[in-house]
Amino acid sequence: VHKAKGLEAKRVFILQPKGAEMPHKMAKSKWQIEQEWNCLYIAITRAIEELIYVS
């Protein structure tokens, strides 16, 4: 996701493995939690035609 900023793709898949939390349990500070949500936002907004989110 970090290298995807500014790029786009026709189809984007976001996979959330079983047991994965959002934000990550190790994100403790407000800044770390915001960064977790920023990464998800960037991933979601890269899709041009189709976004597939699997939880």
PDB file of N, CA and C in Angstrom:
ATOM      1  N   VAL A   1       0.829  -1.193   0.000  1.00  0.00           N
ATOM      2  CA  VAL A   1       0.000   0.000   0.000  1.00  0.00           C
ATOM      3  C   VAL A   1       0.869   1.251   0.000  1.00  0.00           C
ATOM      4  N   HIS A   2       1.974   1.234   0.716  1.00  0.00           N
ATOM      5  CA  HIS A   2       2.802   2.436   0.817  1.00  0.00           C
ATOM      6  C   HIS A   2       3.337   2.869  -0.544  1.00  0.00           C
ATOM      7  N   LYS A   3       3.659   1.928  -1.408  1.00  0.00           N
ATOM      8  CA  LYS A   3       4.169   2.266  -2.732  1.00  0.00           C
ATOM      9  C   LYS A   3       3.047   2.551  -3.722  1.00  0.00           C
ATOM     10  N   ALA A   4       1.799   2.321  -3.339  1.00  0.00           N
ATOM     11  CA  ALA A   4       0.661   2.521  -4.235  1.00  0.00           C
ATOM     12  C   ALA A   4       0.159   3.956  -4.251  1.00  0.00           C
ATOM     13  N   LYS A   5       0.623   4.776  -3.347  1.00  0.00           N
ATOM     14  CA  LYS A   5       0.150   6.161  -3.282  1.00  0.00           C
ATOM     15  C   LYS A   5       0.439   6.854  -4.608  1.00  0.00           C
ATOM     16  N   GLY A   6      -0.587   7.437  -5.184  1.00  0.00           N
ATOM     17  CA  GLY A   6      -0.446   8.110  -6.466  1.00  0.00           C
ATOM     18  C   GLY A   6      -0.680   7.207  -7.657  1.00  0.00           C
ATOM     19  N   LEU A   7      -0.766   5.911  -7.448  1.00  0.00           N
ATOM     20  CA  LEU A   7      -1.015   4.958  -8.525  1.00  0.00           C
ATOM     21  C   LEU A   7      -2.472   4.521  -8.499  1.00  0.00           C
ATOM     22  N   GLU A   8      -2.929   3.936  -9.612  1.00  0.00           N
ATOM     23  CA  GLU A   8      -4.271   3.392  -9.688  1.00  0.00           C
ATOM     24  C   GLU A   8      -4.214   2.031 -10.348  1.00  0.00           C
ATOM     25  N   ALA A   9      -5.243   1.230 -10.102  1.00  0.00           N
ATOM     26  CA  ALA A   9      -5.356  -0.081 -10.730  1.00  0.00           C
ATOM     27  C   ALA A   9      -6.811  -0.302 -11.117  1.00  0.00           C
ATOM     28  N   LYS A  10      -7.011  -1.051 -12.180  1.00  0.00           N
ATOM     29  CA  LYS A  10      -8.369  -1.342 -12.627  1.00  0.00           C
ATOM     30  C   LYS A  10      -9.148  -2.080 -11.546  1.00  0.00           C
ATOM     31  N   ARG A  11      -8.495  -3.017 -10.905  1.00  0.00           N
ATOM     32  CA  ARG A  11      -9.141  -3.850  -9.888  1.00  0.00           C
ATOM     33  C   ARG A  11      -8.235  -3.918  -8.661  1.00  0.00           C
ATOM     34  N   VAL A  12      -8.804  -3.698  -7.484  1.00  0.00           N
ATOM     35  CA  VAL A  12      -8.045  -3.750  -6.236  1.00  0.00           C
ATOM     36  C   VAL A  12      -8.695  -4.760  -5.303  1.00  0.00           C
ATOM     37  N   PHE A  13      -7.882  -5.640  -4.745  1.00  0.00           N
ATOM     38  CA  PHE A  13      -8.333  -6.604  -3.750  1.00  0.00           C
ATOM     39  C   PHE A  13      -7.755  -6.201  -2.407  1.00  0.00           C
ATOM     40  N   ILE A  14      -8.590  -6.153  -1.391  1.00  0.00           N
ATOM     41  CA  ILE A  14      -8.134  -5.906  -0.029  1.00  0.00           C
ATOM     42  C   ILE A  14      -8.538  -7.120   0.786  1.00  0.00           C
ATOM     43  N   LEU A  15      -7.558  -7.797   1.328  1.00  0.00           N
ATOM     44  CA  LEU A  15      -7.805  -9.009   2.101  1.00  0.00           C
ATOM     45  C   LEU A  15      -7.541  -8.744   3.566  1.00  0.00           C
ATOM     46  N   GLN A  16      -8.493  -9.099   4.408  1.00  0.00           N
ATOM     47  CA  GLN A  16      -8.316  -8.977   5.854  1.00  0.00           C
ATOM     48  C   GLN A  16      -8.372 -10.389   6.421  1.00  0.00           C
ATOM     49  N   PRO A  17      -7.218 -10.973   6.718  1.00  0.00           N
ATOM     50  CA  PRO A  17      -7.187 -12.339   7.235  1.00  0.00           C
ATOM     51  C   PRO A  17      -7.973 -12.471   8.537  1.00  0.00           C
ATOM     52  N   LYS A  18      -8.472 -13.664   8.764  1.00  0.00           N
ATOM     53  CA  LYS A  18      -9.218 -13.937   9.991  1.00  0.00           C
ATOM     54  C   LYS A  18      -8.345 -13.593  11.201  1.00  0.00           C
ATOM     55  N   GLY A  19      -8.913 -12.857  12.133  1.00  0.00           N
ATOM     56  CA  GLY A  19      -8.177 -12.464  13.333  1.00  0.00           C
ATOM     57  C   GLY A  19      -7.444 -11.141  13.203  1.00  0.00           C
ATOM     58  N   ALA A  20      -7.366 -10.604  11.983  1.00  0.00           N
ATOM     59  CA  ALA A  20      -6.694  -9.311  11.791  1.00  0.00           C
ATOM     60  C   ALA A  20      -7.622  -8.202  12.266  1.00  0.00           C
ATOM     61  N   GLU A  21      -7.067  -7.286  13.007  1.00  0.00           N
ATOM     62  CA  GLU A  21      -7.848  -6.170  13.532  1.00  0.00           C
ATOM     63  C   GLU A  21      -7.518  -4.902  12.763  1.00  0.00           C
ATOM     64  N   MET A  22      -8.479  -4.005  12.719  1.00  0.00           N
ATOM     65  CA  MET A  22      -8.250  -2.706  12.105  1.00  0.00           C
ATOM     66  C   MET A  22      -8.758  -1.655  13.054  1.00  0.00           C
ATOM     67  N   PRO A  23      -7.943  -0.780  13.563  1.00  0.00           N
ATOM     68  CA  PRO A  23      -6.497  -0.708  13.361  1.00  0.00           C
ATOM     69  C   PRO A  23      -5.774  -1.836  14.096  1.00  0.00           C
ATOM     70  N   HIS A  24      -4.540  -2.068  13.707  1.00  0.00           N
ATOM     71  CA  HIS A  24      -3.734  -3.135  14.287  1.00  0.00           C
ATOM     72  C   HIS A  24      -3.588  -2.941  15.788  1.00  0.00           C
ATOM     73  N   LYS A  25      -3.586  -4.030  16.524  1.00  0.00           N
ATOM     74  CA  LYS A  25      -3.521  -3.955  17.990  1.00  0.00           C
ATOM     75  C   LYS A  25      -2.225  -3.325  18.499  1.00  0.00           C
ATOM     76  N   MET A  26      -1.181  -3.295  17.683  1.00  0.00           N
ATOM     77  CA  MET A  26       0.082  -2.696  18.114  1.00  0.00           C
ATOM     78  C   MET A  26       0.101  -1.181  17.901  1.00  0.00           C
ATOM     79  N   ALA A  27      -0.887  -0.663  17.186  1.00  0.00           N
ATOM     80  CA  ALA A  27      -0.988   0.787  17.001  1.00  0.00           C
ATOM     81  C   ALA A  27      -1.565   1.374  18.281  1.00  0.00           C
ATOM     82  N   LYS A  28      -0.733   2.038  19.048  1.00  0.00           N
ATOM     83  CA  LYS A  28      -1.135   2.543  20.366  1.00  0.00           C
ATOM     84  C   LYS A  28      -1.437   4.037  20.375  1.00  0.00           C
ATOM     85  N   SER A  29      -0.607   4.811  19.732  1.00  0.00           N
ATOM     86  CA  SER A  29      -0.792   6.264  19.787  1.00  0.00           C
ATOM     87  C   SER A  29      -1.841   6.712  18.766  1.00  0.00           C
ATOM     88  N   LYS A  30      -2.341   7.914  18.957  1.00  0.00           N
ATOM     89  CA  LYS A  30      -3.322   8.476  18.029  1.00  0.00           C
ATOM     90  C   LYS A  30      -2.738   8.536  16.621  1.00  0.00           C
ATOM     91  N   TRP A  31      -1.482   8.946  16.502  1.00  0.00           N
ATOM     92  CA  TRP A  31      -0.824   9.047  15.199  1.00  0.00           C
ATOM     93  C   TRP A  31      -0.739   7.684  14.519  1.00  0.00           C
ATOM     94  N   GLN A  32      -0.367   6.642  15.273  1.00  0.00           N
ATOM     95  CA  GLN A  32      -0.262   5.301  14.701  1.00  0.00           C
ATOM     96  C   GLN A  32      -1.620   4.799  14.218  1.00  0.00           C
ATOM     97  N   ILE A  33      -2.653   5.054  14.994  1.00  0.00           N
ATOM     98  CA  ILE A  33      -4.003   4.635  14.602  1.00  0.00           C
ATOM     99  C   ILE A  33      -4.446   5.378  13.345  1.00  0.00           C
ATOM    100  N   GLU A  34      -4.162   6.669  13.275  1.00  0.00           N
ATOM    101  CA  GLU A  34      -4.493   7.444  12.079  1.00  0.00           C
ATOM    102  C   GLU A  34      -3.764   6.901  10.857  1.00  0.00           C
ATOM    103  N   GLN A  35      -2.518   6.501  11.019  1.00  0.00           N
ATOM    104  CA  GLN A  35      -1.751   5.951   9.906  1.00  0.00           C
ATOM    105  C   GLN A  35      -2.343   4.636   9.415  1.00  0.00           C
ATOM    106  N   GLU A  36      -2.847   3.827  10.333  1.00  0.00           N
ATOM    107  CA  GLU A  36      -3.513   2.575   9.951  1.00  0.00           C
ATOM    108  C   GLU A  36      -4.717   2.877   9.051  1.00  0.00           C
ATOM    109  N   TRP A  37      -5.543   3.837   9.461  1.00  0.00           N
ATOM    110  CA  TRP A  37      -6.725   4.196   8.674  1.00  0.00           C
ATOM    111  C   TRP A  37      -6.322   4.868   7.365  1.00  0.00           C
ATOM    112  N   ASN A  38      -5.244   5.648   7.366  1.00  0.00           N
ATOM    113  CA  ASN A  38      -4.761   6.273   6.132  1.00  0.00           C
ATOM    114  C   ASN A  38      -4.348   5.225   5.107  1.00  0.00           C
ATOM    115  N   CYS A  39      -3.678   4.168   5.555  1.00  0.00           N
ATOM    116  CA  CYS A  39      -3.266   3.093   4.641  1.00  0.00           C
ATOM    117  C   CYS A  39      -4.478   2.415   4.017  1.00  0.00           C
ATOM    118  N   LEU A  40      -5.499   2.164   4.817  1.00  0.00           N
ATOM    119  CA  LEU A  40      -6.721   1.554   4.288  1.00  0.00           C
ATOM    120  C   LEU A  40      -7.381   2.489   3.277  1.00  0.00           C
ATOM    121  N   TYR A  41      -7.439   3.768   3.596  1.00  0.00           N
ATOM    122  CA  TYR A  41      -8.030   4.748   2.680  1.00  0.00           C
ATOM    123  C   TYR A  41      -7.285   4.759   1.344  1.00  0.00           C
ATOM    124  N   ILE A  42      -5.971   4.760   1.396  1.00  0.00           N
ATOM    125  CA  ILE A  42      -5.174   4.756   0.165  1.00  0.00           C
ATOM    126  C   ILE A  42      -5.466   3.502  -0.648  1.00  0.00           C
ATOM    127  N   ALA A  43      -5.526   2.348   0.016  1.00  0.00           N
ATOM    128  CA  ALA A  43      -5.811   1.096  -0.690  1.00  0.00           C
ATOM    129  C   ALA A  43      -7.185   1.147  -1.364  1.00  0.00           C
ATOM    130  N   ILE A  44      -8.179   1.638  -0.648  1.00  0.00           N
ATOM    131  CA  ILE A  44      -9.543   1.695  -1.185  1.00  0.00           C
ATOM    132  C   ILE A  44      -9.633   2.641  -2.375  1.00  0.00           C
ATOM    133  N   THR A  45      -8.958   3.752  -2.318  1.00  0.00           N
ATOM    134  CA  THR A  45      -9.083   4.765  -3.369  1.00  0.00           C
ATOM    135  C   THR A  45      -8.202   4.503  -4.584  1.00  0.00           C
ATOM    136  N   ARG A  46      -7.479   3.391  -4.645  1.00  0.00           N
ATOM    137  CA  ARG A  46      -6.654   3.068  -5.812  1.00  0.00           C
ATOM    138  C   ARG A  46      -7.466   2.409  -6.913  1.00  0.00           C
ATOM    139  N   ALA A  47      -8.653   1.894  -6.604  1.00  0.00           N
ATOM    140  CA  ALA A  47      -9.453   1.155  -7.583  1.00  0.00           C
ATOM    141  C   ALA A  47     -10.100   2.101  -8.592  1.00  0.00           C
ATOM    142  N   ILE A  48      -9.975   1.768  -9.875  1.00  0.00           N
ATOM    143  CA  ILE A  48     -10.619   2.546 -10.929  1.00  0.00           C
ATOM    144  C   ILE A  48     -12.012   1.988 -11.207  1.00  0.00           C
ATOM    145  N   GLU A  49     -12.115   0.660 -11.377  1.00  0.00           N
ATOM    146  CA  GLU A  49     -13.390   0.047 -11.744  1.00  0.00           C
ATOM    147  C   GLU A  49     -13.984  -0.831 -10.655  1.00  0.00           C
ATOM    148  N   GLU A  50     -13.140  -1.567  -9.960  1.00  0.00           N
ATOM    149  CA  GLU A  50     -13.679  -2.572  -9.047  1.00  0.00           C
ATOM    150  C   GLU A  50     -12.824  -2.686  -7.789  1.00  0.00           C
ATOM    151  N   LEU A  51     -13.501  -2.696  -6.650  1.00  0.00           N
ATOM    152  CA  LEU A  51     -12.854  -2.904  -5.359  1.00  0.00           C
ATOM    153  C   LEU A  51     -13.460  -4.155  -4.744  1.00  0.00           C
ATOM    154  N   ILE A  52     -12.610  -5.098  -4.373  1.00  0.00           N
ATOM    155  CA  ILE A  52     -13.069  -6.333  -3.739  1.00  0.00           C
ATOM    156  C   ILE A  52     -12.437  -6.399  -2.365  1.00  0.00           C
ATOM    157  N   TYR A  53     -13.296  -6.352  -1.348  1.00  0.00           N
ATOM    158  CA  TYR A  53     -12.846  -6.377   0.047  1.00  0.00           C
ATOM    159  C   TYR A  53     -13.289  -7.696   0.649  1.00  0.00           C
ATOM    160  N   VAL A  54     -12.337  -8.486   1.111  1.00  0.00           N
ATOM    161  CA  VAL A  54     -12.632  -9.797   1.687  1.00  0.00           C
ATOM    162  C   VAL A  54     -12.238  -9.777   3.149  1.00  0.00           C
ATOM    163  N   SER A  55     -13.214 -10.038   4.019  1.00  0.00           N
ATOM    164  CA  SER A  55     -12.911 -10.064   5.454  1.00  0.00           C
ATOM    165  C   SER A  55     -13.138 -11.448   6.021  1.00  0.00           C
TER     166      SER A  55
END
